[in-house]
Amino acid sequence: FLMNVISGCSFACTAAFLYKRRRSLTGAVIGLAAAW
C-alpha cells in the first residue's frame, strides 16, 4: 500500500500539478516528462 501510494502520487500528482499550471499540450508533455 505504501509503495503504491508513493509511486502513484509521485507520477499522477506531479503530472496533474504541472498540467494545472499550464493547461496545454506543452503543459501535459512537461508534466508527464517530469513525473516520469
PDB file of all heavy atoms in Angstrom:
ATOM      1  N   PHE A   1       0.834  -1.206   0.000  1.00  0.00           N
ATOM      2  CA  PHE A   1       0.000   0.000   0.000  1.00  0.00           C
ATOM      3  C   PHE A   1       0.863   1.249   0.000  1.00  0.00           C
ATOM      4  O   PHE A   1       0.633   2.181  -0.785  1.00  0.00           O
ATOM      5  CB  PHE A   1      -0.916  -0.012   1.234  1.00  0.00           C
ATOM      6  CG  PHE A   1      -1.649   1.283   1.468  1.00  0.00           C
ATOM      7  CD1 PHE A   1      -2.781   1.598   0.743  1.00  0.00           C
ATOM      8  CD2 PHE A   1      -1.193   2.184   2.421  1.00  0.00           C
ATOM      9  CE1 PHE A   1      -3.464   2.789   0.952  1.00  0.00           C
ATOM     10  CE2 PHE A   1      -1.856   3.380   2.644  1.00  0.00           C
ATOM     11  CZ  PHE A   1      -3.005   3.684   1.903  1.00  0.00           C
ATOM     12  N   LEU A   2       1.875   1.276   0.867  1.00  0.00           N
ATOM     13  CA  LEU A   2       2.759   2.432   0.956  1.00  0.00           C
ATOM     14  C   LEU A   2       3.474   2.672  -0.370  1.00  0.00           C
ATOM     15  O   LEU A   2       3.524   3.807  -0.871  1.00  0.00           O
ATOM     16  CB  LEU A   2       3.776   2.215   2.072  1.00  0.00           C
ATOM     17  CG  LEU A   2       4.858   3.290   2.235  1.00  0.00           C
ATOM     18  CD1 LEU A   2       4.228   4.623   2.614  1.00  0.00           C
ATOM     19  CD2 LEU A   2       5.884   2.864   3.282  1.00  0.00           C
ATOM     20  N   MET A   3       4.008   1.623  -0.962  1.00  0.00           N
ATOM     21  CA  MET A   3       4.742   1.774  -2.218  1.00  0.00           C
ATOM     22  C   MET A   3       3.826   2.208  -3.355  1.00  0.00           C
ATOM     23  O   MET A   3       4.215   3.004  -4.214  1.00  0.00           O
ATOM     24  CB  MET A   3       5.453   0.467  -2.565  1.00  0.00           C
ATOM     25  CG  MET A   3       6.524   0.064  -1.571  1.00  0.00           C
ATOM     26  SD  MET A   3       7.928   1.211  -1.520  1.00  0.00           S
ATOM     27  CE  MET A   3       8.871   0.645  -2.922  1.00  0.00           C
ATOM     28  N   ASN A   4       2.596   1.695  -3.371  1.00  0.00           N
ATOM     29  CA  ASN A   4       1.641   2.097  -4.404  1.00  0.00           C
ATOM     30  C   ASN A   4       1.280   3.575  -4.282  1.00  0.00           C
ATOM     31  O   ASN A   4       1.166   4.278  -5.283  1.00  0.00           O
ATOM     32  CB  ASN A   4       0.371   1.244  -4.313  1.00  0.00           C
ATOM     33  CG  ASN A   4       0.527  -0.101  -4.978  1.00  0.00           C
ATOM     34  OD1 ASN A   4       1.187  -0.230  -6.001  1.00  0.00           O
ATOM     35  ND2 ASN A   4      -0.076  -1.125  -4.405  1.00  0.00           N
ATOM     36  N   VAL A   5       1.091   4.034  -3.047  1.00  0.00           N
ATOM     37  CA  VAL A   5       0.749   5.442  -2.837  1.00  0.00           C
ATOM     38  C   VAL A   5       1.920   6.337  -3.243  1.00  0.00           C
ATOM     39  O   VAL A   5       1.725   7.360  -3.921  1.00  0.00           O
ATOM     40  CB  VAL A   5       0.347   5.694  -1.368  1.00  0.00           C
ATOM     41  CG1 VAL A   5       0.232   7.193  -1.091  1.00  0.00           C
ATOM     42  CG2 VAL A   5      -0.978   5.002  -1.057  1.00  0.00           C
ATOM     43  N   ILE A   6       3.122   5.965  -2.849  1.00  0.00           N
ATOM     44  CA  ILE A   6       4.292   6.775  -3.199  1.00  0.00           C
ATOM     45  C   ILE A   6       4.484   6.827  -4.708  1.00  0.00           C
ATOM     46  O   ILE A   6       4.679   7.895  -5.302  1.00  0.00           O
ATOM     47  CB  ILE A   6       5.560   6.218  -2.512  1.00  0.00           C
ATOM     48  CG1 ILE A   6       5.460   6.398  -0.995  1.00  0.00           C
ATOM     49  CG2 ILE A   6       6.808   6.922  -3.045  1.00  0.00           C
ATOM     50  CD1 ILE A   6       6.567   5.717  -0.231  1.00  0.00           C
ATOM     51  N   SER A   7       4.414   5.667  -5.348  1.00  0.00           N
ATOM     52  CA  SER A   7       4.604   5.608  -6.793  1.00  0.00           C
ATOM     53  C   SER A   7       3.497   6.349  -7.535  1.00  0.00           C
ATOM     54  O   SER A   7       3.765   7.164  -8.427  1.00  0.00           O
ATOM     55  CB  SER A   7       4.638   4.141  -7.247  1.00  0.00           C
ATOM     56  OG  SER A   7       4.724   4.056  -8.658  1.00  0.00           O
ATOM     57  N   GLY A   8       2.245   6.084  -7.157  1.00  0.00           N
ATOM     58  CA  GLY A   8       1.118   6.719  -7.835  1.00  0.00           C
ATOM     59  C   GLY A   8       1.103   8.225  -7.667  1.00  0.00           C
ATOM     60  O   GLY A   8       0.879   8.969  -8.625  1.00  0.00           O
ATOM     61  N   CYS A   9       1.368   8.684  -6.444  1.00  0.00           N
ATOM     62  CA  CYS A   9       1.352  10.127  -6.190  1.00  0.00           C
ATOM     63  C   CYS A   9       2.510  10.834  -6.887  1.00  0.00           C
ATOM     64  O   CYS A   9       2.329  11.931  -7.425  1.00  0.00           O
ATOM     65  CB  CYS A   9       1.394  10.396  -4.690  1.00  0.00           C
ATOM     66  SG  CYS A   9      -0.147  10.034  -3.844  1.00  0.00           S
ATOM     67  N   SER A  10       3.685  10.233  -6.857  1.00  0.00           N
ATOM     68  CA  SER A  10       4.829  10.890  -7.490  1.00  0.00           C
ATOM     69  C   SER A  10       4.610  11.052  -8.983  1.00  0.00           C
ATOM     70  O   SER A  10       5.064  12.032  -9.582  1.00  0.00           O
ATOM     71  CB  SER A  10       6.114  10.107  -7.209  1.00  0.00           C
ATOM     72  OG  SER A  10       6.038   8.801  -7.737  1.00  0.00           O
ATOM     73  N   PHE A  11       3.881  10.123  -9.602  1.00  0.00           N
ATOM     74  CA  PHE A  11       3.607  10.243 -11.034  1.00  0.00           C
ATOM     75  C   PHE A  11       2.366  11.091 -11.300  1.00  0.00           C
ATOM     76  O   PHE A  11       2.432  12.149 -11.944  1.00  0.00           O
ATOM     77  CB  PHE A  11       3.433   8.862 -11.674  1.00  0.00           C
ATOM     78  CG  PHE A  11       3.337   8.923 -13.171  1.00  0.00           C
ATOM     79  CD1 PHE A  11       4.480   8.911 -13.949  1.00  0.00           C
ATOM     80  CD2 PHE A  11       2.099   9.014 -13.811  1.00  0.00           C
ATOM     81  CE1 PHE A  11       4.407   8.983 -15.335  1.00  0.00           C
ATOM     82  CE2 PHE A  11       2.011   9.088 -15.189  1.00  0.00           C
ATOM     83  CZ  PHE A  11       3.162   9.079 -15.956  1.00  0.00           C
ATOM     84  N   ALA A  12       1.218  10.652 -10.807  1.00  0.00           N
ATOM     85  CA  ALA A  12      -0.052  11.304 -11.157  1.00  0.00           C
ATOM     86  C   ALA A  12      -0.152  12.719 -10.600  1.00  0.00           C
ATOM     87  O   ALA A  12      -0.583  13.640 -11.292  1.00  0.00           O
ATOM     88  CB  ALA A  12      -1.226  10.450 -10.671  1.00  0.00           C
ATOM     89  N   CYS A  13       0.238  12.914  -9.341  1.00  0.00           N
ATOM     90  CA  CYS A  13       0.113  14.235  -8.725  1.00  0.00           C
ATOM     91  C   CYS A  13       1.087  15.234  -9.349  1.00  0.00           C
ATOM     92  O   CYS A  13       0.747  16.403  -9.542  1.00  0.00           O
ATOM     93  CB  CYS A  13       0.328  14.148  -7.216  1.00  0.00           C
ATOM     94  SG  CYS A  13      -0.955  13.223  -6.353  1.00  0.00           S
ATOM     95  N   THR A  14       2.293  14.770  -9.657  1.00  0.00           N
ATOM     96  CA  THR A  14       3.265  15.660 -10.300  1.00  0.00           C
ATOM     97  C   THR A  14       2.774  16.104 -11.668  1.00  0.00           C
ATOM     98  O   THR A  14       2.783  17.295 -12.005  1.00  0.00           O
ATOM     99  CB  THR A  14       4.618  14.957 -10.435  1.00  0.00           C
ATOM    100  OG1 THR A  14       5.111  14.606  -9.143  1.00  0.00           O
ATOM    101  CG2 THR A  14       5.628  15.863 -11.126  1.00  0.00           C
ATOM    102  N   ALA A  15       2.335  15.140 -12.482  1.00  0.00           N
ATOM    103  CA  ALA A  15       1.838  15.467 -13.818  1.00  0.00           C
ATOM    104  C   ALA A  15       0.624  16.391 -13.743  1.00  0.00           C
ATOM    105  O   ALA A  15       0.521  17.367 -14.493  1.00  0.00           O
ATOM    106  CB  ALA A  15       1.487  14.184 -14.569  1.00  0.00           C
ATOM    107  N   ALA A  16      -0.304  16.092 -12.822  1.00  0.00           N
ATOM    108  CA  ALA A  16      -1.511  16.901 -12.698  1.00  0.00           C
ATOM    109  C   ALA A  16      -1.202  18.316 -12.213  1.00  0.00           C
ATOM    110  O   ALA A  16      -1.814  19.293 -12.664  1.00  0.00           O
ATOM    111  CB  ALA A  16      -2.498  16.222 -11.752  1.00  0.00           C
ATOM    112  N   PHE A  17      -0.272  18.426 -11.281  1.00  0.00           N
ATOM    113  CA  PHE A  17       0.094  19.744 -10.752  1.00  0.00           C
ATOM    114  C   PHE A  17       0.666  20.641 -11.850  1.00  0.00           C
ATOM    115  O   PHE A  17       0.274  21.804 -11.999  1.00  0.00           O
ATOM    116  CB  PHE A  17       1.106  19.589  -9.619  1.00  0.00           C
ATOM    117  CG  PHE A  17       1.650  20.887  -9.096  1.00  0.00           C
ATOM    118  CD1 PHE A  17       0.893  21.680  -8.253  1.00  0.00           C
ATOM    119  CD2 PHE A  17       2.917  21.322  -9.468  1.00  0.00           C
ATOM    120  CE1 PHE A  17       1.392  22.892  -7.783  1.00  0.00           C
ATOM    121  CE2 PHE A  17       3.425  22.518  -8.995  1.00  0.00           C
ATOM    122  CZ  PHE A  17       2.655  23.315  -8.160  1.00  0.00           C
ATOM    123  N   LEU A  18       1.596  20.104 -12.629  1.00  0.00           N
ATOM    124  CA  LEU A  18       2.214  20.910 -13.681  1.00  0.00           C
ATOM    125  C   LEU A  18       1.232  21.196 -14.813  1.00  0.00           C
ATOM    126  O   LEU A  18       1.235  22.286 -15.387  1.00  0.00           O
ATOM    127  CB  LEU A  18       3.459  20.189 -14.220  1.00  0.00           C
ATOM    128  CG  LEU A  18       4.603  20.057 -13.216  1.00  0.00           C
ATOM    129  CD1 LEU A  18       5.734  19.214 -13.792  1.00  0.00           C
ATOM    130  CD2 LEU A  18       5.115  21.433 -12.802  1.00  0.00           C
ATOM    131  N   TYR A  19       0.366  20.246 -15.121  1.00  0.00           N
ATOM    132  CA  TYR A  19      -0.629  20.481 -16.168  1.00  0.00           C
ATOM    133  C   TYR A  19      -1.658  21.518 -15.722  1.00  0.00           C
ATOM    134  O   TYR A  19      -2.127  22.322 -16.533  1.00  0.00           O
ATOM    135  CB  TYR A  19      -1.334  19.175 -16.518  1.00  0.00           C
ATOM    136  CG  TYR A  19      -2.374  19.324 -17.600  1.00  0.00           C
ATOM    137  CD1 TYR A  19      -2.011  19.650 -18.904  1.00  0.00           C
ATOM    138  CD2 TYR A  19      -3.728  19.143 -17.324  1.00  0.00           C
ATOM    139  CE1 TYR A  19      -2.965  19.796 -19.906  1.00  0.00           C
ATOM    140  CE2 TYR A  19      -4.681  19.275 -18.317  1.00  0.00           C
ATOM    141  CZ  TYR A  19      -4.296  19.608 -19.603  1.00  0.00           C
ATOM    142  OH  TYR A  19      -5.238  19.762 -20.586  1.00  0.00           O
ATOM    143  N   LYS A  20      -1.988  21.534 -14.434  1.00  0.00           N
ATOM    144  CA  LYS A  20      -2.938  22.521 -13.921  1.00  0.00           C
ATOM    145  C   LYS A  20      -2.393  23.935 -14.075  1.00  0.00           C
ATOM    146  O   LYS A  20      -3.150  24.878 -14.326  1.00  0.00           O
ATOM    147  CB  LYS A  20      -3.245  22.232 -12.443  1.00  0.00           C
ATOM    148  CG  LYS A  20      -4.291  23.159 -11.837  1.00  0.00           C
ATOM    149  CD  LYS A  20      -4.580  22.788 -10.394  1.00  0.00           C
ATOM    150  CE  LYS A  20      -5.638  23.703  -9.792  1.00  0.00           C
ATOM    151  NZ  LYS A  20      -5.915  23.345  -8.368  1.00  0.00           N
ATOM    152  N   ARG A  21      -1.096  24.097 -13.947  1.00  0.00           N
ATOM    153  CA  ARG A  21      -0.472  25.412 -14.078  1.00  0.00           C
ATOM    154  C   ARG A  21      -0.396  25.864 -15.534  1.00  0.00           C
ATOM    155  O   ARG A  21      -0.319  27.069 -15.802  1.00  0.00           O
ATOM    156  CB  ARG A  21       0.929  25.391 -13.462  1.00  0.00           C
ATOM    157  CG  ARG A  21       0.933  25.135 -11.962  1.00  0.00           C
ATOM    158  CD  ARG A  21       2.347  25.044 -11.424  1.00  0.00           C
ATOM    159  NE  ARG A  21       3.060  26.292 -11.588  1.00  0.00           N
ATOM    160  CZ  ARG A  21       3.042  27.287 -10.699  1.00  0.00           C
ATOM    161  NH1 ARG A  21       2.309  27.167  -9.588  1.00  0.00           N
ATOM    162  NH2 ARG A  21       3.735  28.379 -10.901  1.00  0.00           N
ATOM    163  N   ARG A  22      -0.411  24.899 -16.460  1.00  0.00           N
ATOM    164  CA  ARG A  22      -0.330  25.244 -17.880  1.00  0.00           C
ATOM    165  C   ARG A  22      -1.151  24.234 -18.670  1.00  0.00           C
ATOM    166  O   ARG A  22      -0.649  23.206 -19.113  1.00  0.00           O
ATOM    167  CB  ARG A  22       1.126  25.227 -18.344  1.00  0.00           C
ATOM    168  CG  ARG A  22       1.332  25.722 -19.764  1.00  0.00           C
ATOM    169  CD  ARG A  22       2.808  25.831 -20.085  1.00  0.00           C
ATOM    170  NE  ARG A  22       3.030  26.350 -21.425  1.00  0.00           N
ATOM    171  CZ  ARG A  22       4.231  26.582 -21.952  1.00  0.00           C
ATOM    172  NH1 ARG A  22       5.311  26.337 -21.227  1.00  0.00           N
ATOM    173  NH2 ARG A  22       4.357  27.044 -23.176  1.00  0.00           N
ATOM    174  N   ARG A  23      -2.434  24.523 -18.804  1.00  0.00           N
ATOM    175  CA  ARG A  23      -3.359  23.577 -19.427  1.00  0.00           C
ATOM    176  C   ARG A  23      -3.242  23.656 -20.951  1.00  0.00           C
ATOM    177  O   ARG A  23      -4.038  24.304 -21.632  1.00  0.00           O
ATOM    178  CB  ARG A  23      -4.782  23.842 -18.974  1.00  0.00           C
ATOM    179  CG  ARG A  23      -4.986  23.685 -17.469  1.00  0.00           C
ATOM    180  CD  ARG A  23      -6.449  23.784 -17.089  1.00  0.00           C
ATOM    181  NE  ARG A  23      -7.189  22.618 -17.557  1.00  0.00           N
ATOM    182  CZ  ARG A  23      -7.295  21.473 -16.896  1.00  0.00           C
ATOM    183  NH1 ARG A  23      -6.672  21.325 -15.728  1.00  0.00           N
ATOM    184  NH2 ARG A  23      -7.999  20.477 -17.369  1.00  0.00           N
ATOM    185  N   SER A  24      -2.230  23.002 -21.447  1.00  0.00           N
ATOM    186  CA  SER A  24      -1.969  22.978 -22.882  1.00  0.00           C
ATOM    187  C   SER A  24      -1.223  21.695 -23.196  1.00  0.00           C
ATOM    188  O   SER A  24      -0.845  20.938 -22.295  1.00  0.00           O
ATOM    189  CB  SER A  24      -1.130  24.188 -23.307  1.00  0.00           C
ATOM    190  OG  SER A  24       0.162  24.136 -22.711  1.00  0.00           O
ATOM    191  N   LEU A  25      -1.019  21.452 -24.482  1.00  0.00           N
ATOM    192  CA  LEU A  25      -0.251  20.275 -24.880  1.00  0.00           C
ATOM    193  C   LEU A  25       1.152  20.319 -24.295  1.00  0.00           C
ATOM    194  O   LEU A  25       1.667  19.317 -23.786  1.00  0.00           O
ATOM    195  CB  LEU A  25      -0.191  20.194 -26.401  1.00  0.00           C
ATOM    196  CG  LEU A  25       0.636  19.048 -26.980  1.00  0.00           C
ATOM    197  CD1 LEU A  25       0.085  17.705 -26.566  1.00  0.00           C
ATOM    198  CD2 LEU A  25       0.705  19.161 -28.501  1.00  0.00           C
ATOM    199  N   THR A  26       1.766  21.503 -24.338  1.00  0.00           N
ATOM    200  CA  THR A  26       3.110  21.645 -23.775  1.00  0.00           C
ATOM    201  C   THR A  26       3.104  21.353 -22.283  1.00  0.00           C
ATOM    202  O   THR A  26       4.000  20.674 -21.765  1.00  0.00           O
ATOM    203  CB  THR A  26       3.632  23.069 -24.022  1.00  0.00           C
ATOM    204  OG1 THR A  26       3.674  23.317 -25.426  1.00  0.00           O
ATOM    205  CG2 THR A  26       5.024  23.242 -23.430  1.00  0.00           C
ATOM    206  N   GLY A  27       2.081  21.860 -21.590  1.00  0.00           N
ATOM    207  CA  GLY A  27       1.981  21.604 -20.157  1.00  0.00           C
ATOM    208  C   GLY A  27       1.821  20.125 -19.846  1.00  0.00           C
ATOM    209  O   GLY A  27       2.398  19.614 -18.880  1.00  0.00           O
ATOM    210  N   ALA A  28       1.046  19.423 -20.676  1.00  0.00           N
ATOM    211  CA  ALA A  28       0.865  17.987 -20.476  1.00  0.00           C
ATOM    212  C   ALA A  28       2.176  17.237 -20.679  1.00  0.00           C
ATOM    213  O   ALA A  28       2.528  16.346 -19.894  1.00  0.00           O
ATOM    214  CB  ALA A  28      -0.206  17.458 -21.432  1.00  0.00           C
ATOM    215  N   VAL A  29       2.907  17.609 -21.721  1.00  0.00           N
ATOM    216  CA  VAL A  29       4.185  16.950 -22.008  1.00  0.00           C
ATOM    217  C   VAL A  29       5.179  17.203 -20.880  1.00  0.00           C
ATOM    218  O   VAL A  29       5.853  16.282 -20.402  1.00  0.00           O
ATOM    219  CB  VAL A  29       4.757  17.435 -23.352  1.00  0.00           C
ATOM    220  CG1 VAL A  29       6.164  16.895 -23.568  1.00  0.00           C
ATOM    221  CG2 VAL A  29       3.850  17.013 -24.499  1.00  0.00           C
ATOM    222  N   ILE A  30       5.272  18.458 -20.455  1.00  0.00           N
ATOM    223  CA  ILE A  30       6.198  18.800 -19.367  1.00  0.00           C
ATOM    224  C   ILE A  30       5.814  18.049 -18.098  1.00  0.00           C
ATOM    225  O   ILE A  30       6.673  17.494 -17.401  1.00  0.00           O
ATOM    226  CB  ILE A  30       6.203  20.318 -19.120  1.00  0.00           C
ATOM    227  CG1 ILE A  30       6.835  21.047 -20.311  1.00  0.00           C
ATOM    228  CG2 ILE A  30       6.958  20.652 -17.831  1.00  0.00           C
ATOM    229  CD1 ILE A  30       6.740  22.560 -20.223  1.00  0.00           C
ATOM    230  N   GLY A  31       4.523  18.030 -17.787  1.00  0.00           N
ATOM    231  CA  GLY A  31       4.062  17.348 -16.588  1.00  0.00           C
ATOM    232  C   GLY A  31       4.366  15.863 -16.603  1.00  0.00           C
ATOM    233  O   GLY A  31       4.858  15.299 -15.620  1.00  0.00           O
ATOM    234  N   LEU A  32       4.100  15.215 -17.729  1.00  0.00           N
ATOM    235  CA  LEU A  32       4.337  13.776 -17.826  1.00  0.00           C
ATOM    236  C   LEU A  32       5.829  13.442 -17.821  1.00  0.00           C
ATOM    237  O   LEU A  32       6.250  12.458 -17.206  1.00  0.00           O
ATOM    238  CB  LEU A  32       3.675  13.225 -19.091  1.00  0.00           C
ATOM    239  CG  LEU A  32       2.141  13.187 -19.057  1.00  0.00           C
ATOM    240  CD1 LEU A  32       1.583  12.877 -20.436  1.00  0.00           C
ATOM    241  CD2 LEU A  32       1.650  12.157 -18.040  1.00  0.00           C
ATOM    242  N   ALA A  33       6.625  14.260 -18.510  1.00  0.00           N
ATOM    243  CA  ALA A  33       8.070  14.020 -18.522  1.00  0.00           C
ATOM    244  C   ALA A  33       8.660  14.195 -17.127  1.00  0.00           C
ATOM    245  O   ALA A  33       9.487  13.377 -16.681  1.00  0.00           O
ATOM    246  CB  ALA A  33       8.737  14.970 -19.512  1.00  0.00           C
ATOM    247  N   ALA A  34       8.245  15.247 -16.431  1.00  0.00           N
ATOM    248  CA  ALA A  34       8.732  15.481 -15.071  1.00  0.00           C
ATOM    249  C   ALA A  34       8.287  14.353 -14.142  1.00  0.00           C
ATOM    250  O   ALA A  34       9.062  13.877 -13.293  1.00  0.00           O
ATOM    251  CB  ALA A  34       8.242  16.828 -14.555  1.00  0.00           C
ATOM    252  N   ALA A  35       7.039  13.921 -14.295  1.00  0.00           N
ATOM    253  CA  ALA A  35       6.522  12.835 -13.468  1.00  0.00           C
ATOM    254  C   ALA A  35       7.286  11.540 -13.723  1.00  0.00           C
ATOM    255  O   ALA A  35       7.599  10.786 -12.792  1.00  0.00           O
ATOM    256  CB  ALA A  35       5.039  12.632 -13.753  1.00  0.00           C
ATOM    257  N   TRP A  36       7.600  11.295 -14.988  1.00  0.00           N
ATOM    258  CA  TRP A  36       8.365  10.105 -15.374  1.00  0.00           C
ATOM    259  C   TRP A  36       9.717  10.080 -14.664  1.00  0.00           C
ATOM    260  O   TRP A  36      10.087   9.086 -14.021  1.00  0.00           O
ATOM    261  CB  TRP A  36       8.531  10.126 -16.890  1.00  0.00           C
ATOM    262  CG  TRP A  36       9.181   8.925 -17.511  1.00  0.00           C
ATOM    263  CD1 TRP A  36       9.622   7.799 -16.863  1.00  0.00           C
ATOM    264  CD2 TRP A  36       9.452   8.733 -18.901  1.00  0.00           C
ATOM    265  NE1 TRP A  36      10.147   6.910 -17.771  1.00  0.00           N
ATOM    266  CE2 TRP A  36      10.061   7.452 -19.029  1.00  0.00           C
ATOM    267  CE3 TRP A  36       9.252   9.495 -20.042  1.00  0.00           C
ATOM    268  CZ2 TRP A  36      10.464   6.951 -20.258  1.00  0.00           C
ATOM    269  CZ3 TRP A  36       9.654   8.979 -21.269  1.00  0.00           C
ATOM    270  CH2 TRP A  36      10.239   7.732 -21.376  1.00  0.00           C
TER     271      TRP A  36
END
